[in-house]
Every structure is written in C-alpha cells, then in structure tokens.
C-alpha atoms as a PDB file:
ATOM      1  CA  MET A   1     -48.113 134.722  11.761  1.00  0.00           C
ATOM      2  CA  LYS A   2     -48.643 133.761   8.108  1.00  0.00           C
ATOM      3  CA  ALA A   3     -52.584 133.626   8.134  1.00  0.00           C
ATOM      4  CA  THR A   4     -52.572 130.316   5.923  1.00  0.00           C
ATOM      5  CA  PHE A   5     -49.998 127.659   5.253  1.00  0.00           C
ATOM      6  CA  ASN A   6     -50.463 126.221   2.354  1.00  0.00           C
ATOM      7  CA  VAL A   7     -49.972 122.209   1.518  1.00  0.00           C
ATOM      8  CA  LEU A   8     -48.883 120.814  -1.857  1.00  0.00           C
ATOM      9  CA  GLY A   9     -48.925 117.540  -2.743  1.00  0.00           C
ATOM     10  CA  VAL A  10     -46.683 115.764  -5.474  1.00  0.00           C
ATOM     11  CA  ALA A  11     -48.453 112.519  -7.005  1.00  0.00           C
ATOM     12  CA  GLY A  12     -45.043 110.937  -8.650  1.00  0.00           C
ATOM     13  CA  SER A  13     -46.546 107.799  -9.634  1.00  0.00           C
ATOM     14  CA  THR A  14     -47.672 108.116 -13.473  1.00  0.00           C
ATOM     15  CA  ARG A  15     -49.855 104.145 -12.348  1.00  0.00           C
ATOM     16  CA  ASN A  16     -53.775 104.548 -11.934  1.00  0.00           C
ATOM     17  CA  GLY A  17     -54.921 103.184  -9.155  1.00  0.00           C
ATOM     18  CA  SER A  18     -51.262 104.296  -7.015  1.00  0.00           C
ATOM     19  CA  TYR A  19     -51.128 103.314  -3.668  1.00  0.00           C
ATOM     20  CA  SER A  20     -48.057 106.030  -3.065  1.00  0.00           C
ATOM     21  CA  THR A  21     -51.419 108.438  -4.746  1.00  0.00           C
ATOM     22  CA  GLN A  22     -53.574 107.187  -2.389  1.00  0.00           C
ATOM     23  CA  ALA A  23     -51.457 107.278   0.896  1.00  0.00           C
ATOM     24  CA  LEU A  24     -50.974 111.102  -0.423  1.00  0.00           C
ATOM     25  CA  THR A  25     -54.998 111.381  -0.548  1.00  0.00           C
ATOM     26  CA  ILE A  26     -55.172 110.671   2.640  1.00  0.00           C
ATOM     27  CA  ALA A  27     -52.084 112.768   4.395  1.00  0.00           C
ATOM     28  CA  LEU A  28     -53.231 115.542   2.765  1.00  0.00           C
ATOM     29  CA  ALA A  29     -56.912 115.069   4.374  1.00  0.00           C
ATOM     30  CA  HIS A  30     -55.098 115.384   7.439  1.00  0.00           C
ATOM     31  CA  ALA A  31     -52.761 117.504   6.949  1.00  0.00           C
ATOM     32  CA  LYS A  32     -56.948 119.781   6.176  1.00  0.00           C
ATOM     33  CA  LYS A  33     -58.303 118.978   9.180  1.00  0.00           C
ATOM     34  CA  GLN A  34     -55.024 120.909  11.207  1.00  0.00           C
ATOM     35  CA  GLY A  35     -56.074 124.317   9.712  1.00  0.00           C
ATOM     36  CA  ALA A  36     -54.076 124.015   5.652  1.00  0.00           C
ATOM     37  CA  GLU A  37     -54.722 124.438   2.105  1.00  0.00           C
ATOM     38  CA  ILE A  38     -54.035 121.620  -0.272  1.00  0.00           C
ATOM     39  CA  ARG A  39     -53.909 121.119  -2.950  1.00  0.00           C
ATOM     40  CA  MET A  40     -53.125 118.338  -5.294  1.00  0.00           C
ATOM     41  CA  LEU A  41     -50.648 117.959  -8.870  1.00  0.00           C
ATOM     42  CA  GLU A  42     -50.203 114.753 -10.253  1.00  0.00           C
ATOM     43  CA  LEU A  43     -47.451 114.482 -12.366  1.00  0.00           C
ATOM     44  CA  SER A  44     -49.229 112.016 -14.434  1.00  0.00           C
ATOM     45  CA  LYS A  45     -52.239 114.616 -15.445  1.00  0.00           C
ATOM     46  CA  THR A  46     -49.674 117.280 -15.302  1.00  0.00           C
ATOM     47  CA  VAL A  47     -46.749 115.818 -17.550  1.00  0.00           C
ATOM     48  CA  LEU A  48     -43.717 117.765 -16.846  1.00  0.00           C
ATOM     49  CA  SER A  49     -41.022 117.543 -20.244  1.00  0.00           C
ATOM     50  CA  LEU A  50     -37.611 116.759 -19.300  1.00  0.00           C
ATOM     51  CA  TYR A  51     -35.975 119.415 -17.587  1.00  0.00           C
ATOM     52  CA  ASP A  52     -33.899 121.290 -20.022  1.00  0.00           C
ATOM     53  CA  PRO A  53     -32.934 124.863 -18.630  1.00  0.00           C
ATOM     54  CA  ASN A  54     -33.124 126.346 -22.522  1.00  0.00           C
ATOM     55  CA  ALA A  55     -36.201 125.357 -22.843  1.00  0.00           C
ATOM     56  CA  PRO A  56     -39.277 127.774 -23.701  1.00  0.00           C
ATOM     57  CA  GLU A  57     -42.082 126.527 -20.736  1.00  0.00           C
ATOM     58  CA  SER A  58     -44.611 125.490 -21.285  1.00  0.00           C
ATOM     59  CA  LYS A  59     -47.914 124.851 -20.653  1.00  0.00           C
ATOM     60  CA  ALA A  60     -47.699 122.093 -17.934  1.00  0.00           C
ATOM     61  CA  VAL A  61     -44.734 123.605 -15.807  1.00  0.00           C
ATOM     62  CA  GLU A  62     -46.379 127.011 -15.823  1.00  0.00           C
ATOM     63  CA  LEU A  63     -49.387 125.077 -13.521  1.00  0.00           C
ATOM     64  CA  ALA A  64     -46.981 123.258 -11.708  1.00  0.00           C
ATOM     65  CA  ALA A  65     -44.203 126.143 -11.543  1.00  0.00           C
ATOM     66  CA  GLU A  66     -48.080 128.605  -9.912  1.00  0.00           C
ATOM     67  CA  ALA A  67     -48.648 125.115  -7.613  1.00  0.00           C
ATOM     68  CA  VAL A  68     -44.669 125.504  -6.097  1.00  0.00           C
ATOM     69  CA  ALA A  69     -44.959 128.781  -5.738  1.00  0.00           C
ATOM     70  CA  TRP A  70     -48.303 128.804  -3.615  1.00  0.00           C
ATOM     71  CA  ALA A  71     -46.826 126.225  -1.419  1.00  0.00           C
ATOM     72  CA  ASP A  72     -45.295 126.062   1.574  1.00  0.00           C
ATOM     73  CA  ALA A  73     -44.272 122.718   2.674  1.00  0.00           C
ATOM     74  CA  PHE A  74     -44.783 119.624   0.113  1.00  0.00           C
ATOM     75  CA  ILE A  75     -45.360 115.990   0.930  1.00  0.00           C
ATOM     76  CA  LEU A  76     -43.779 114.273  -1.969  1.00  0.00           C
ATOM     77  CA  ALA A  77     -44.813 111.124  -3.142  1.00  0.00           C
ATOM     78  CA  SER A  78     -43.357 107.946  -4.557  1.00  0.00           C
ATOM     79  CA  PRO A  79     -43.390 104.676  -5.940  1.00  0.00           C
ATOM     80  CA  ASP A  80     -40.225 102.431  -5.008  1.00  0.00           C
ATOM     81  CA  TYR A  81     -38.564 102.557  -8.329  1.00  0.00           C
ATOM     82  CA  HIS A  82     -35.375 100.421  -8.017  1.00  0.00           C
ATOM     83  CA  GLY A  83     -34.745 101.583  -4.644  1.00  0.00           C
ATOM     84  CA  SER A  84     -35.281 104.960  -5.815  1.00  0.00           C
ATOM     85  CA  MET A  85     -38.186 108.186  -7.269  1.00  0.00           C
ATOM     86  CA  SER A  86     -40.150 107.793  -9.850  1.00  0.00           C
ATOM     87  CA  GLY A  87     -38.497 109.208 -13.070  1.00  0.00           C
ATOM     88  CA  ALA A  88     -41.667 112.083 -13.292  1.00  0.00           C
ATOM     89  CA  LEU A  89     -40.826 112.801  -9.679  1.00  0.00           C
ATOM     90  CA  LYS A  90     -37.384 113.776  -9.884  1.00  0.00           C
ATOM     91  CA  ASN A  91     -38.028 115.329 -12.720  1.00  0.00           C
ATOM     92  CA  PHE A  92     -40.113 117.771 -10.898  1.00  0.00           C
ATOM     93  CA  LEU A  93     -37.409 118.803  -8.509  1.00  0.00           C
ATOM     94  CA  ASP A  94     -35.227 119.143 -10.838  1.00  0.00           C
ATOM     95  CA  HIS A  95     -37.773 122.184 -12.278  1.00  0.00           C
ATOM     96  CA  PHE A  96     -38.518 124.039  -9.188  1.00  0.00           C
ATOM     97  CA  TYR A  97     -34.905 123.554  -6.742  1.00  0.00           C
ATOM     98  CA  GLN A  98     -34.969 127.207  -6.524  1.00  0.00           C
ATOM     99  CA  GLU A  99     -38.500 127.341  -4.839  1.00  0.00           C
ATOM    100  CA  PHE A 100     -37.719 125.299  -2.128  1.00  0.00           C
ATOM    101  CA  GLY A 101     -35.236 126.650  -0.165  1.00  0.00           C
ATOM    102  CA  GLY A 102     -36.896 127.733   2.871  1.00  0.00           C
ATOM    103  CA  LYS A 103     -40.007 124.989   2.944  1.00  0.00           C
ATOM    104  CA  VAL A 104     -40.731 122.543   4.799  1.00  0.00           C
ATOM    105  CA  PHE A 105     -41.155 118.258   2.988  1.00  0.00           C
ATOM    106  CA  GLY A 106     -42.838 115.493   4.041  1.00  0.00           C
ATOM    107  CA  TYR A 107     -42.623 112.472   2.761  1.00  0.00           C
ATOM    108  CA  VAL A 108     -44.421 109.324   1.181  1.00  0.00           C
ATOM    109  CA  VAL A 109     -43.483 105.979  -0.637  1.00  0.00           C
ATOM    110  CA  ALA A 110     -45.324 102.358  -1.249  1.00  0.00           C
ATOM    111  CA  SER A 111     -42.430 100.092  -1.804  1.00  0.00           C
ATOM    112  CA  HIS A 112     -42.278  95.915  -0.576  1.00  0.00           C
ATOM    113  CA  GLU A 113     -38.418  97.003   0.828  1.00  0.00           C
ATOM    114  CA  LYS A 114     -40.117  99.697   3.712  1.00  0.00           C
ATOM    115  CA  GLY A 115     -38.536 102.094   0.539  1.00  0.00           C
ATOM    116  CA  LEU A 116     -35.838 103.962   2.727  1.00  0.00           C
ATOM    117  CA  THR A 117     -33.744 104.128  -0.100  1.00  0.00           C
ATOM    118  CA  VAL A 118     -36.138 105.950  -1.552  1.00  0.00           C
ATOM    119  CA  MET A 119     -37.581 108.532   1.183  1.00  0.00           C
ATOM    120  CA  ASP A 120     -32.733 109.014   2.029  1.00  0.00           C
ATOM    121  CA  GLN A 121     -32.941 110.058  -1.841  1.00  0.00           C
ATOM    122  CA  MET A 122     -35.507 112.249  -2.005  1.00  0.00           C
ATOM    123  CA  ARG A 123     -34.084 113.835   1.723  1.00  0.00           C
ATOM    124  CA  THR A 124     -30.851 114.038  -0.697  1.00  0.00           C
ATOM    125  CA  ALA A 125     -32.236 115.878  -3.026  1.00  0.00           C
ATOM    126  CA  VAL A 126     -34.428 118.496  -1.279  1.00  0.00           C
ATOM    127  CA  ARG A 127     -31.817 119.417   1.228  1.00  0.00           C
ATOM    128  CA  GLN A 128     -29.570 120.196  -2.141  1.00  0.00           C
ATOM    129  CA  CYS A 129     -32.392 122.965  -3.004  1.00  0.00           C
ATOM    130  CA  TYR A 130     -32.334 124.141   1.017  1.00  0.00           C
ATOM    131  CA  GLY A 131     -35.198 122.637   1.872  1.00  0.00           C
ATOM    132  CA  TRP A 132     -36.198 121.394   5.314  1.00  0.00           C
ATOM    133  CA  SER A 133     -37.201 117.558   5.322  1.00  0.00           C
ATOM    134  CA  MET A 134     -39.647 116.001   8.524  1.00  0.00           C
ATOM    135  CA  PRO A 135     -37.526 113.507  10.374  1.00  0.00           C
ATOM    136  CA  TYR A 136     -38.961 110.611   9.199  1.00  0.00           C
ATOM    137  CA  GLY A 137     -41.705 109.513   6.711  1.00  0.00           C
ATOM    138  CA  VAL A 138     -44.136 107.432   6.049  1.00  0.00           C
ATOM    139  CA  SER A 139     -43.987 103.668   4.111  1.00  0.00           C
ATOM    140  CA  ILE A 140     -46.357 101.364   3.195  1.00  0.00           C
ATOM    141  CA  SER A 141     -46.763  98.625   1.174  1.00  0.00           C
ATOM    142  CA  GLY A 142     -49.850  98.105  -0.987  1.00  0.00           C
ATOM    143  CA  PRO A 143     -52.035  95.430  -0.747  1.00  0.00           C
ATOM    144  CA  GLN A 144     -51.424  94.911   2.623  1.00  0.00           C
ATOM    145  CA  ASP A 145     -51.969  98.023   3.622  1.00  0.00           C
ATOM    146  CA  PHE A 146     -55.155  99.249   1.443  1.00  0.00           C
ATOM    147  CA  THR A 147     -58.642  97.798   0.848  1.00  0.00           C
ATOM    148  CA  GLY A 148     -61.048  98.871  -2.053  1.00  0.00           C
ATOM    149  CA  GLY A 149     -58.826 102.891  -1.637  1.00  0.00           C
ATOM    150  CA  GLU A 150     -59.177 102.660   2.790  1.00  0.00           C
ATOM    151  CA  ILE A 151     -56.435 101.819   4.782  1.00  0.00           C
ATOM    152  CA  VAL A 152     -56.525  98.875   6.558  1.00  0.00           C
ATOM    153  CA  ASN A 153     -53.654  99.152   8.539  1.00  0.00           C
ATOM    154  CA  ALA A 154     -54.733 101.002  11.538  1.00  0.00           C
ATOM    155  CA  LYS A 155     -50.818 101.801  12.558  1.00  0.00           C
ATOM    156  CA  LEU A 156     -49.768 103.132   8.965  1.00  0.00           C
ATOM    157  CA  SER A 157     -53.393 104.733   9.673  1.00  0.00           C
ATOM    158  CA  LYS A 158     -51.916 106.954  12.596  1.00  0.00           C
ATOM    159  CA  ARG A 159     -48.209 107.475  11.298  1.00  0.00           C
ATOM    160  CA  LEU A 160     -50.706 109.184   8.410  1.00  0.00           C
ATOM    161  CA  GLN A 161     -51.808 111.235  10.546  1.00  0.00           C
ATOM    162  CA  MET A 162     -48.958 111.900  12.191  1.00  0.00           C
ATOM    163  CA  MET A 163     -46.972 113.391  10.037  1.00  0.00           C
ATOM    164  CA  SER A 164     -49.477 115.622   7.491  1.00  0.00           C
ATOM    165  CA  ARG A 165     -49.796 117.178  11.725  1.00  0.00           C
ATOM    166  CA  ASP A 166     -46.583 117.451  12.283  1.00  0.00           C
ATOM    167  CA  LEU A 167     -45.444 118.790   8.659  1.00  0.00           C
ATOM    168  CA  VAL A 168     -47.770 121.401   9.538  1.00  0.00           C
ATOM    169  CA  VAL A 169     -47.295 122.611  13.184  1.00  0.00           C
ATOM    170  CA  TYR A 170     -43.358 122.141  12.211  1.00  0.00           C
ATOM    171  CA  GLY A 171     -43.431 123.902   9.167  1.00  0.00           C
ATOM    172  CA  ARG A 172     -45.754 127.158  10.384  1.00  0.00           C
ATOM    173  CA  LEU A 173     -43.075 127.454  12.679  1.00  0.00           C
ATOM    174  CA  ILE A 174     -40.512 127.178   9.967  1.00  0.00           C
ATOM    175  CA  ILE A 175     -41.555 129.314   7.337  1.00  0.00           C
ATOM    176  CA  ASP A 176     -42.743 131.802  10.213  1.00  0.00           C
ATOM    177  CA  GLN A 177     -39.472 132.458  11.070  1.00  0.00           C
ATOM    178  CA  PHE A 178     -38.256 132.105   7.692  1.00  0.00           C
ATOM    179  CA  ALA A 179     -40.231 135.204   6.452  1.00  0.00           C
ATOM    180  CA  ARG A 180     -39.412 136.816   9.141  1.00  0.00           C
ATOM    181  CA  ASP A 181     -35.667 136.583   8.565  1.00  0.00           C
ATOM    182  CA  LEU A 182     -35.832 137.233   4.895  1.00  0.00           C
ATOM    183  CA  GLY A 183     -37.470 140.626   6.370  1.00  0.00           C
ATOM    184  CA  SER A 184     -34.819 141.457   8.293  1.00  0.00           C
ATOM    185  CA  SER A 185     -31.041 142.455   7.954  1.00  0.00           C
ATOM    186  CA  GLU A 186     -29.604 140.506   9.430  1.00  0.00           C
ATOM    187  CA  GLU A 187     -26.579 138.868   7.869  1.00  0.00           C
ATOM    188  CA  ASP A 188     -25.485 135.492   8.884  1.00  0.00           C
ATOM    189  CA  THR A 189     -28.985 133.663   9.172  1.00  0.00           C
ATOM    190  CA  PHE A 190     -29.630 131.937   5.906  1.00  0.00           C
ATOM    191  CA  ALA A 191     -32.867 133.248   4.333  1.00  0.00           C
ATOM    192  CA  ALA A 192     -30.064 136.246   3.465  1.00  0.00           C
ATOM    193  CA  HIS A 193     -29.443 134.305   0.547  1.00  0.00           C
ATOM    194  CA  TYR A 194     -32.203 134.434  -0.512  1.00  0.00           C
ATOM    195  CA  ARG A 195     -33.199 137.825  -0.920  1.00  0.00           C
ATOM    196  CA  PRO A 196     -33.177 140.173  -3.720  1.00  0.00           C
END
C-alpha cells in the first residue's frame, strides 16, 4: 500500500467568505486526522484560463497541474449556481480530465436547495473522466449551518467528518488496487487502459 495518501480540496467558489470553501477547509482537516496529506486549490486565487486545448499552458495551469498530479483523491466544493456547479469548477474539470482516472472524489455543495442536481452534475463529469465517486455528498445551507466560520449544525459536522473518513479509507483501497492493476500484465482491468 502507498505510504502516503494525498487529498486535494478544490474550492470552486470565487466569493470571499464562501460557505462551500469553509466546509471544504473543515473536511480537509478531518481527512488529515485520518492520516491523509492535504492541500487546497482555491480557484479564486489560482485562476485558470478558459480551457482551450490549443493554448499554451499558463503559470496558473502549471501550478494546478502539479497539485492534480500529487493528489490520490479530491474533494470538490462548489456553490449551487442555478442547479449546476460553478463555471470555475467546470473549467478545472475540463483542464485536467485526463488525470482523474482511478482517483476518488467527494463532494461538498453550498445550496439552499440541497444541491442534489449540482452533485449529480459533478458526479457525471467525474464519471466521464473515469474517476470514482463517493456514493453521497455533503450539502450545506450557508448561514443556517455556519456562524463566524464555525459549523453550528451538529448533523452537518458529523456528515463532513464521515465523508472525509470514508474518502480516505475507501480511497486508499481503490488507489492501491488501481496501482497493482497498472503494474500487472492483466488485460481485463480498467487500469490496463492507463498503461503506457
């Protein structure tokens, strides 16, 4: 089994004081308590150009690419923008779709409508990139769940902790098996498509 397990949180909000980013910070702290190495990529600070496969790589894309290559698993966080993820997060997924195969994803959405369509769309995009999705996500409702940057909703706090724990525990199993399959000569595996 891999010695370290790396979790990258991707904050898809560009709003100062974003609730989805606050929840992501807490989720990453829980992942660290489970033994994961953690990093956060804030798309409000690392601003990626609109995806264009013909454009030269910018410094921001290079920085994000290094973080993506480092990660074994991701927690994607987004506000609910009209029933969908933020444009910044969708653009991130467009940039790095080839790097997501065999990696595990968890989801956090800030929404007044439970964020179910947002999570469905994130899962759909990740599935098309051949990533593995957690079977549930975490939905937060901003001011009802947070006061002064602290979670006041005990049920939400427990759910964030559970998601982070499950992402690390199940993610380690999946990434380890994926690595073994990559290193084998067996052809009837998903990982065989990723061999050089």
